[in-house]
Every structure is written in structure tokens, then in C-alpha cells.
Amino acid sequence: MKKFFIWILFIPFIAASAGVGDWKIVGEEGDFWLQSTTDSKTKNLITKRTGESKVISTKDVGEDHEIIVYYTGMAGTFKLVDIYYAQIFNKKTKKFLGDYPWEYKSQNNPDEKLPQPKWEIGTKSISISDEQTTIQKVIQLN
């Protein structure tokens, strides 16, 4: 009975983190790419900073799209900031729709509130604005 109960607790964890395992960061000839773990041809160039980049999370947007969040590295000299970006992927066409800032976190003071990118995720579009990079973008999902 105890083994059965442990498996019931473990199964939701596997299902919740399954999307992260579908992607990896690879380096090729000085460039870094977000690449599918099941299809090496499905890849897109990432925004790279210092440090080891890795996929952090994924989020489904409707049936056909996915947001893949990754750690791109850190920036700064006196005030170090961890930078996270996200790529929007069309699962149906297997095309990437862009690479955009997702989140900034202070390494010096984890409680510090930094200006954050604003994402408005809808069923037909995703709007992104970020004062750090001056991005103002609307991506149509079709």
C-alpha cells in the first residue's frame, strides 16, 4: 500500500515538469540554441549572457503554442542581475515566433523589486513590453 501511495504523489510531479525535458540549450560554434530533445532540427538561437543557460519552465498557450522559459545568464558589474528569456513556439508548424525578456532577478538583493517585462497572454495574441530593452511587441497566434 505504501508503494502505491508514493507513486500517486510522484505522478503529478512528472506530468507538471514534462515540458522542461522536451528542450535543452546547446552550444554550436560559439552560438547557443534552444533545441528540441526529440528533433535536433527544431532549434532557435537564444539570447546569451554569462553563466550556464538552462531551460527553467514551459507553459502551454492554447493547443498549438508553448512558451519556453530559460535562464540566459547574468549581467552587471556592481549590481548583478539574473536574466530569464522566453521563446514562443508554434507546436503545429514547429516554428519559433520570437525570443523575449521574461524576468529579471537581483543577485545582490533577492527582495529588490526590479522593473519586469509585461506579458499579456491571450488566445489570439501575446503582447510583450519591456522598459529595459524597449521592446513593444504583439505576436499574433494563428
N, C-alpha and C. Protein backbone atom coordinates (compact mmCIF):
# COMPACT_ATOMS: atom_id res chain seq x y z
N MET A 1 0.83 -1.21 0.00
CA MET A 1 0.00 0.00 0.00
C MET A 1 0.86 1.26 0.00
N LYS A 2 1.97 1.24 0.77
CA LYS A 2 2.84 2.42 0.84
C LYS A 2 3.44 2.75 -0.52
N LYS A 3 3.87 1.74 -1.28
CA LYS A 3 4.45 1.98 -2.60
C LYS A 3 3.44 2.62 -3.53
N PHE A 4 2.21 2.15 -3.50
CA PHE A 4 1.16 2.70 -4.33
C PHE A 4 0.92 4.17 -4.01
N PHE A 5 0.89 4.51 -2.72
CA PHE A 5 0.67 5.88 -2.29
C PHE A 5 1.82 6.80 -2.75
N ILE A 6 3.04 6.34 -2.67
CA ILE A 6 4.19 7.13 -3.12
C ILE A 6 4.10 7.41 -4.61
N TRP A 7 3.73 6.42 -5.41
CA TRP A 7 3.60 6.62 -6.85
C TRP A 7 2.51 7.65 -7.18
N ILE A 8 1.42 7.63 -6.45
CA ILE A 8 0.35 8.61 -6.68
C ILE A 8 0.88 10.03 -6.44
N LEU A 9 1.70 10.22 -5.42
CA LEU A 9 2.28 11.54 -5.16
C LEU A 9 3.30 11.94 -6.20
N PHE A 10 4.01 10.99 -6.77
CA PHE A 10 5.10 11.25 -7.71
C PHE A 10 4.58 11.55 -9.12
N ILE A 11 3.49 10.95 -9.54
CA ILE A 11 2.97 11.09 -10.90
C ILE A 11 2.64 12.54 -11.26
N PRO A 12 1.96 13.34 -10.41
CA PRO A 12 1.69 14.73 -10.79
C PRO A 12 2.98 15.53 -10.99
N PHE A 13 4.03 15.24 -10.23
CA PHE A 13 5.30 15.95 -10.39
C PHE A 13 5.88 15.69 -11.77
N ILE A 14 5.83 14.44 -12.23
CA ILE A 14 6.34 14.09 -13.54
C ILE A 14 5.54 14.81 -14.62
N ALA A 15 4.23 14.81 -14.52
CA ALA A 15 3.38 15.45 -15.52
C ALA A 15 3.62 16.96 -15.55
N ALA A 16 3.82 17.57 -14.39
CA ALA A 16 4.00 19.02 -14.34
C ALA A 16 5.33 19.47 -14.92
N SER A 17 6.35 18.63 -14.84
CA SER A 17 7.67 19.05 -15.31
C SER A 17 8.06 18.42 -16.63
N ALA A 18 7.14 17.72 -17.29
CA ALA A 18 7.47 17.02 -18.52
C ALA A 18 7.91 17.95 -19.63
N GLY A 19 7.35 19.14 -19.75
CA GLY A 19 7.70 20.08 -20.82
C GLY A 19 9.14 20.55 -20.79
N VAL A 20 9.72 20.70 -19.61
CA VAL A 20 11.11 21.15 -19.49
C VAL A 20 12.04 20.14 -20.14
N GLY A 21 11.77 18.87 -19.99
CA GLY A 21 12.60 17.82 -20.56
C GLY A 21 12.54 17.74 -22.08
N ASP A 22 11.60 18.43 -22.69
CA ASP A 22 11.46 18.43 -24.15
C ASP A 22 12.45 19.38 -24.82
N TRP A 23 13.15 20.19 -24.03
CA TRP A 23 14.04 21.23 -24.57
C TRP A 23 15.38 21.23 -23.85
N LYS A 24 16.41 21.67 -24.56
CA LYS A 24 17.74 21.82 -23.96
C LYS A 24 18.46 22.98 -24.64
N ILE A 25 19.48 23.50 -23.97
CA ILE A 25 20.33 24.54 -24.53
C ILE A 25 21.59 23.86 -25.03
N VAL A 26 21.95 24.12 -26.28
CA VAL A 26 23.16 23.54 -26.86
C VAL A 26 24.04 24.64 -27.43
N GLY A 27 25.34 24.41 -27.39
CA GLY A 27 26.29 25.35 -27.98
C GLY A 27 26.87 24.77 -29.25
N GLU A 28 26.91 25.60 -30.31
CA GLU A 28 27.47 25.19 -31.59
C GLU A 28 28.26 26.34 -32.18
N GLU A 29 29.56 26.15 -32.33
CA GLU A 29 30.44 27.13 -32.99
C GLU A 29 30.27 28.54 -32.42
N GLY A 30 30.23 28.64 -31.11
CA GLY A 30 30.14 29.94 -30.45
C GLY A 30 28.74 30.49 -30.26
N ASP A 31 27.74 29.87 -30.89
CA ASP A 31 26.34 30.28 -30.72
C ASP A 31 25.65 29.31 -29.77
N PHE A 32 24.56 29.78 -29.18
CA PHE A 32 23.77 28.94 -28.27
C PHE A 32 22.33 28.88 -28.78
N TRP A 33 21.76 27.69 -28.69
CA TRP A 33 20.45 27.41 -29.27
C TRP A 33 19.54 26.73 -28.26
N LEU A 34 18.25 27.03 -28.37
CA LEU A 34 17.21 26.25 -27.71
C LEU A 34 16.85 25.15 -28.70
N GLN A 35 16.97 23.89 -28.27
CA GLN A 35 16.77 22.77 -29.20
C GLN A 35 15.84 21.73 -28.60
N SER A 36 14.99 21.17 -29.44
CA SER A 36 14.12 20.07 -29.04
C SER A 36 14.97 18.86 -28.73
N THR A 37 14.61 18.12 -27.68
CA THR A 37 15.35 16.90 -27.35
C THR A 37 14.94 15.73 -28.23
N THR A 38 13.83 15.87 -28.96
CA THR A 38 13.36 14.78 -29.82
C THR A 38 13.63 15.04 -31.30
N ASP A 39 13.94 16.29 -31.67
CA ASP A 39 14.19 16.64 -33.08
C ASP A 39 15.28 17.71 -33.13
N SER A 40 16.50 17.31 -33.44
CA SER A 40 17.64 18.24 -33.40
C SER A 40 17.52 19.36 -34.43
N LYS A 41 16.66 19.23 -35.43
CA LYS A 41 16.48 20.29 -36.42
C LYS A 41 15.55 21.40 -35.92
N THR A 42 14.79 21.10 -34.87
CA THR A 42 13.91 22.11 -34.28
C THR A 42 14.70 22.86 -33.23
N LYS A 43 15.23 24.03 -33.64
CA LYS A 43 16.07 24.82 -32.74
C LYS A 43 16.01 26.28 -33.14
N ASN A 44 16.36 27.15 -32.18
CA ASN A 44 16.34 28.58 -32.41
C ASN A 44 17.44 29.23 -31.57
N LEU A 45 18.10 30.22 -32.13
CA LEU A 45 19.15 30.96 -31.45
C LEU A 45 18.59 31.63 -30.20
N ILE A 46 19.34 31.60 -29.09
CA ILE A 46 18.89 32.24 -27.86
C ILE A 46 19.68 33.51 -27.59
N THR A 47 19.17 34.33 -26.69
CA THR A 47 19.89 35.48 -26.17
C THR A 47 20.79 34.95 -25.07
N LYS A 48 22.09 35.14 -25.20
CA LYS A 48 23.04 34.56 -24.24
C LYS A 48 23.78 35.63 -23.46
N ARG A 49 23.87 35.43 -22.15
CA ARG A 49 24.68 36.25 -21.26
C ARG A 49 25.73 35.35 -20.64
N THR A 50 26.38 35.78 -19.58
CA THR A 50 27.36 34.93 -18.92
C THR A 50 26.67 33.91 -18.02
N GLY A 51 27.32 32.80 -17.79
CA GLY A 51 26.75 31.75 -16.94
C GLY A 51 26.22 30.61 -17.78
N GLU A 52 25.76 29.57 -17.10
CA GLU A 52 25.25 28.39 -17.79
C GLU A 52 23.75 28.53 -18.02
N SER A 53 23.37 28.58 -19.28
CA SER A 53 21.95 28.69 -19.63
C SER A 53 21.28 27.34 -19.48
N LYS A 54 19.99 27.39 -19.06
CA LYS A 54 19.22 26.15 -18.95
C LYS A 54 17.73 26.48 -19.04
N VAL A 55 16.96 25.50 -19.48
CA VAL A 55 15.51 25.64 -19.58
C VAL A 55 14.94 25.55 -18.17
N ILE A 56 14.09 26.51 -17.81
CA ILE A 56 13.53 26.61 -16.47
C ILE A 56 12.09 26.09 -16.40
N SER A 57 11.27 26.47 -17.37
CA SER A 57 9.86 26.06 -17.34
C SER A 57 9.25 26.17 -18.74
N THR A 58 8.10 25.56 -18.89
CA THR A 58 7.32 25.71 -20.12
C THR A 58 5.88 26.01 -19.75
N LYS A 59 5.17 26.63 -20.67
CA LYS A 59 3.77 26.98 -20.43
C LYS A 59 3.02 26.82 -21.75
N ASP A 60 1.98 26.01 -21.74
CA ASP A 60 1.15 25.87 -22.93
C ASP A 60 0.26 27.09 -23.09
N VAL A 61 0.14 27.54 -24.33
CA VAL A 61 -0.77 28.64 -24.67
C VAL A 61 -1.72 28.07 -25.72
N GLY A 62 -2.90 27.71 -25.28
CA GLY A 62 -3.83 27.03 -26.18
C GLY A 62 -3.28 25.66 -26.55
N GLU A 63 -3.79 25.12 -27.64
CA GLU A 63 -3.36 23.79 -28.08
C GLU A 63 -2.10 23.83 -28.93
N ASP A 64 -1.85 24.96 -29.61
CA ASP A 64 -0.80 24.99 -30.63
C ASP A 64 0.48 25.71 -30.23
N HIS A 65 0.50 26.42 -29.11
CA HIS A 65 1.67 27.23 -28.78
C HIS A 65 2.22 26.89 -27.39
N GLU A 66 3.50 27.18 -27.24
CA GLU A 66 4.19 26.91 -25.99
C GLU A 66 5.18 28.05 -25.73
N ILE A 67 5.30 28.44 -24.47
CA ILE A 67 6.31 29.40 -24.06
C ILE A 67 7.38 28.62 -23.30
N ILE A 68 8.63 28.74 -23.74
CA ILE A 68 9.74 28.03 -23.12
C ILE A 68 10.63 29.06 -22.44
N VAL A 69 10.68 29.03 -21.11
CA VAL A 69 11.45 30.00 -20.33
C VAL A 69 12.82 29.40 -20.02
N TYR A 70 13.85 30.22 -20.24
CA TYR A 70 15.21 29.74 -19.96
C TYR A 70 16.02 30.82 -19.26
N TYR A 71 17.00 30.36 -18.49
CA TYR A 71 17.95 31.26 -17.84
C TYR A 71 19.03 31.59 -18.87
N THR A 72 19.18 32.87 -19.17
CA THR A 72 20.15 33.26 -20.19
C THR A 72 21.49 33.67 -19.59
N GLY A 73 21.53 33.91 -18.29
CA GLY A 73 22.78 34.28 -17.63
C GLY A 73 22.60 35.54 -16.81
N MET A 74 23.72 36.15 -16.45
CA MET A 74 23.64 37.36 -15.63
C MET A 74 24.33 38.52 -16.33
N ALA A 75 23.98 39.71 -15.88
CA ALA A 75 24.58 40.93 -16.41
C ALA A 75 24.86 41.86 -15.24
N GLY A 76 25.73 42.82 -15.47
CA GLY A 76 26.04 43.82 -14.46
C GLY A 76 27.45 43.67 -13.93
N THR A 77 27.90 44.72 -13.27
CA THR A 77 29.21 44.69 -12.63
C THR A 77 29.06 44.89 -11.13
N PHE A 78 28.48 46.01 -10.74
CA PHE A 78 28.25 46.28 -9.32
C PHE A 78 26.95 45.63 -8.85
N LYS A 79 25.94 45.74 -9.68
CA LYS A 79 24.62 45.20 -9.37
C LYS A 79 24.34 44.04 -10.33
N LEU A 80 24.48 42.80 -9.84
CA LEU A 80 24.31 41.63 -10.69
C LEU A 80 22.84 41.25 -10.81
N VAL A 81 22.43 40.97 -12.05
CA VAL A 81 21.03 40.64 -12.33
C VAL A 81 20.97 39.33 -13.12
N ASP A 82 20.20 38.37 -12.61
CA ASP A 82 19.92 37.15 -13.36
C ASP A 82 18.84 37.47 -14.38
N ILE A 83 19.05 37.02 -15.61
CA ILE A 83 18.14 37.35 -16.70
C ILE A 83 17.52 36.08 -17.26
N TYR A 84 16.20 36.11 -17.40
CA TYR A 84 15.45 35.00 -17.97
C TYR A 84 14.74 35.49 -19.23
N TYR A 85 14.81 34.69 -20.26
CA TYR A 85 14.12 34.99 -21.52
C TYR A 85 13.13 33.87 -21.80
N ALA A 86 12.24 34.10 -22.76
CA ALA A 86 11.28 33.08 -23.16
C ALA A 86 11.13 33.08 -24.67
N GLN A 87 11.01 31.89 -25.22
CA GLN A 87 10.76 31.74 -26.65
C GLN A 87 9.33 31.26 -26.83
N ILE A 88 8.69 31.77 -27.86
CA ILE A 88 7.32 31.36 -28.18
C ILE A 88 7.43 30.38 -29.35
N PHE A 89 6.84 29.21 -29.18
CA PHE A 89 6.97 28.14 -30.16
C PHE A 89 5.60 27.69 -30.63
N ASN A 90 5.42 27.60 -31.95
CA ASN A 90 4.19 27.06 -32.53
C ASN A 90 4.38 25.55 -32.71
N LYS A 91 3.71 24.76 -31.90
CA LYS A 91 3.86 23.30 -31.93
C LYS A 91 3.33 22.68 -33.22
N LYS A 92 2.37 23.34 -33.83
CA LYS A 92 1.75 22.81 -35.06
C LYS A 92 2.69 22.98 -36.27
N THR A 93 3.25 24.18 -36.43
CA THR A 93 4.13 24.45 -37.58
C THR A 93 5.60 24.19 -37.26
N LYS A 94 5.92 23.99 -35.97
CA LYS A 94 7.29 23.78 -35.48
C LYS A 94 8.18 24.99 -35.78
N LYS A 95 7.59 26.18 -35.65
CA LYS A 95 8.34 27.41 -35.87
C LYS A 95 8.36 28.25 -34.59
N PHE A 96 9.47 28.95 -34.40
CA PHE A 96 9.61 29.86 -33.27
C PHE A 96 9.11 31.24 -33.67
N LEU A 97 8.38 31.89 -32.76
CA LEU A 97 7.80 33.19 -33.05
C LEU A 97 8.54 34.33 -32.36
N GLY A 98 9.61 34.02 -31.65
CA GLY A 98 10.40 35.09 -31.04
C GLY A 98 11.03 34.69 -29.73
N ASP A 99 11.97 35.54 -29.31
CA ASP A 99 12.77 35.36 -28.10
C ASP A 99 12.72 36.68 -27.33
N TYR A 100 12.09 36.67 -26.15
CA TYR A 100 11.80 37.93 -25.46
C TYR A 100 12.14 37.86 -23.97
N PRO A 101 12.43 39.03 -23.36
CA PRO A 101 12.71 39.06 -21.92
C PRO A 101 11.50 38.56 -21.13
N TRP A 102 11.77 37.72 -20.12
CA TRP A 102 10.71 37.15 -19.29
C TRP A 102 10.77 37.70 -17.87
N GLU A 103 11.98 37.75 -17.27
CA GLU A 103 12.09 38.15 -15.86
C GLU A 103 13.52 38.57 -15.54
N TYR A 104 13.63 39.51 -14.58
CA TYR A 104 14.93 39.95 -14.06
C TYR A 104 14.92 39.75 -12.54
N LYS A 105 16.01 39.19 -11.99
CA LYS A 105 16.13 38.98 -10.55
C LYS A 105 17.47 39.50 -10.07
N SER A 106 17.47 40.26 -9.00
CA SER A 106 18.70 40.78 -8.41
C SER A 106 19.43 39.67 -7.67
N GLN A 107 20.73 39.52 -7.95
CA GLN A 107 21.54 38.56 -7.20
C GLN A 107 21.98 39.16 -5.87
N ASN A 108 22.19 40.48 -5.82
CA ASN A 108 22.67 41.15 -4.62
C ASN A 108 21.60 41.22 -3.53
N ASN A 109 20.37 41.44 -3.95
CA ASN A 109 19.28 41.59 -3.00
C ASN A 109 18.02 40.91 -3.58
N PRO A 110 17.78 39.66 -3.22
CA PRO A 110 16.64 38.93 -3.78
C PRO A 110 15.28 39.60 -3.55
N ASP A 111 15.18 40.47 -2.53
CA ASP A 111 13.91 41.15 -2.25
C ASP A 111 13.73 42.42 -3.09
N GLU A 112 14.78 42.84 -3.80
CA GLU A 112 14.70 44.07 -4.59
C GLU A 112 13.72 43.89 -5.74
N LYS A 113 12.86 44.87 -5.91
CA LYS A 113 11.88 44.85 -6.99
C LYS A 113 12.47 45.55 -8.21
N LEU A 114 12.76 44.79 -9.23
CA LEU A 114 13.29 45.34 -10.48
C LEU A 114 12.14 45.53 -11.47
N PRO A 115 12.25 46.50 -12.38
CA PRO A 115 11.23 46.62 -13.43
C PRO A 115 11.19 45.32 -14.24
N GLN A 116 10.01 44.79 -14.44
CA GLN A 116 9.84 43.50 -15.10
C GLN A 116 9.18 43.64 -16.47
N PRO A 117 9.51 42.73 -17.39
CA PRO A 117 8.77 42.69 -18.65
C PRO A 117 7.30 42.38 -18.36
N LYS A 118 6.43 42.92 -19.18
CA LYS A 118 4.99 42.69 -19.02
C LYS A 118 4.52 41.82 -20.18
N TRP A 119 3.96 40.67 -19.83
CA TRP A 119 3.41 39.74 -20.81
C TRP A 119 1.91 39.68 -20.63
N GLU A 120 1.17 39.88 -21.72
CA GLU A 120 -0.28 39.68 -21.73
C GLU A 120 -0.54 38.54 -22.70
N ILE A 121 -0.90 37.39 -22.14
CA ILE A 121 -1.06 36.18 -22.94
C ILE A 121 -2.54 35.92 -23.18
N GLY A 122 -2.94 35.98 -24.44
CA GLY A 122 -4.32 35.73 -24.82
C GLY A 122 -4.42 34.53 -25.74
N THR A 123 -5.61 34.22 -26.17
CA THR A 123 -5.80 33.07 -27.05
C THR A 123 -5.40 33.37 -28.50
N LYS A 124 -5.42 34.65 -28.88
CA LYS A 124 -5.10 35.02 -30.27
C LYS A 124 -3.80 35.79 -30.41
N SER A 125 -3.28 36.32 -29.29
CA SER A 125 -2.03 37.08 -29.37
C SER A 125 -1.33 37.12 -28.01
N ILE A 126 -0.05 37.46 -28.08
CA ILE A 126 0.75 37.69 -26.88
C ILE A 126 1.38 39.07 -27.03
N SER A 127 1.16 39.94 -26.04
CA SER A 127 1.76 41.28 -26.04
C SER A 127 2.88 41.30 -25.01
N ILE A 128 4.02 41.88 -25.43
CA ILE A 128 5.18 41.96 -24.55
C ILE A 128 5.71 43.39 -24.58
N SER A 129 5.94 43.94 -23.39
CA SER A 129 6.60 45.25 -23.30
C SER A 129 7.65 45.16 -22.20
N ASP A 130 8.79 45.81 -22.45
CA ASP A 130 9.90 45.75 -21.51
C ASP A 130 10.67 47.06 -21.58
N GLU A 131 10.70 47.79 -20.48
CA GLU A 131 11.40 49.08 -20.47
C GLU A 131 12.92 48.92 -20.50
N GLN A 132 13.45 47.78 -20.04
CA GLN A 132 14.90 47.56 -20.06
C GLN A 132 15.43 47.45 -21.49
N THR A 133 14.70 46.75 -22.35
CA THR A 133 15.14 46.54 -23.73
C THR A 133 14.35 47.38 -24.74
N THR A 134 13.40 48.15 -24.26
CA THR A 134 12.49 48.99 -25.06
C THR A 134 11.65 48.19 -26.07
N ILE A 135 11.43 46.94 -25.77
CA ILE A 135 10.60 46.10 -26.64
C ILE A 135 9.13 46.41 -26.41
N GLN A 136 8.40 46.59 -27.49
CA GLN A 136 6.94 46.71 -27.52
C GLN A 136 6.50 45.82 -28.66
N LYS A 137 5.95 44.65 -28.36
CA LYS A 137 5.68 43.68 -29.41
C LYS A 137 4.35 42.99 -29.20
N VAL A 138 3.64 42.75 -30.29
CA VAL A 138 2.42 41.94 -30.27
C VAL A 138 2.65 40.79 -31.25
N ILE A 139 2.56 39.57 -30.76
CA ILE A 139 2.75 38.38 -31.59
C ILE A 139 1.39 37.76 -31.81
N GLN A 140 1.03 37.63 -33.07
CA GLN A 140 -0.25 37.01 -33.44
C GLN A 140 -0.11 35.50 -33.39
N LEU A 141 -1.04 34.82 -32.74
CA LEU A 141 -1.04 33.36 -32.67
C LEU A 141 -2.09 32.86 -33.65
N ASN A 142 -1.66 32.14 -34.66
CA ASN A 142 -2.63 31.60 -35.64
C ASN A 142 -2.22 30.23 -36.08
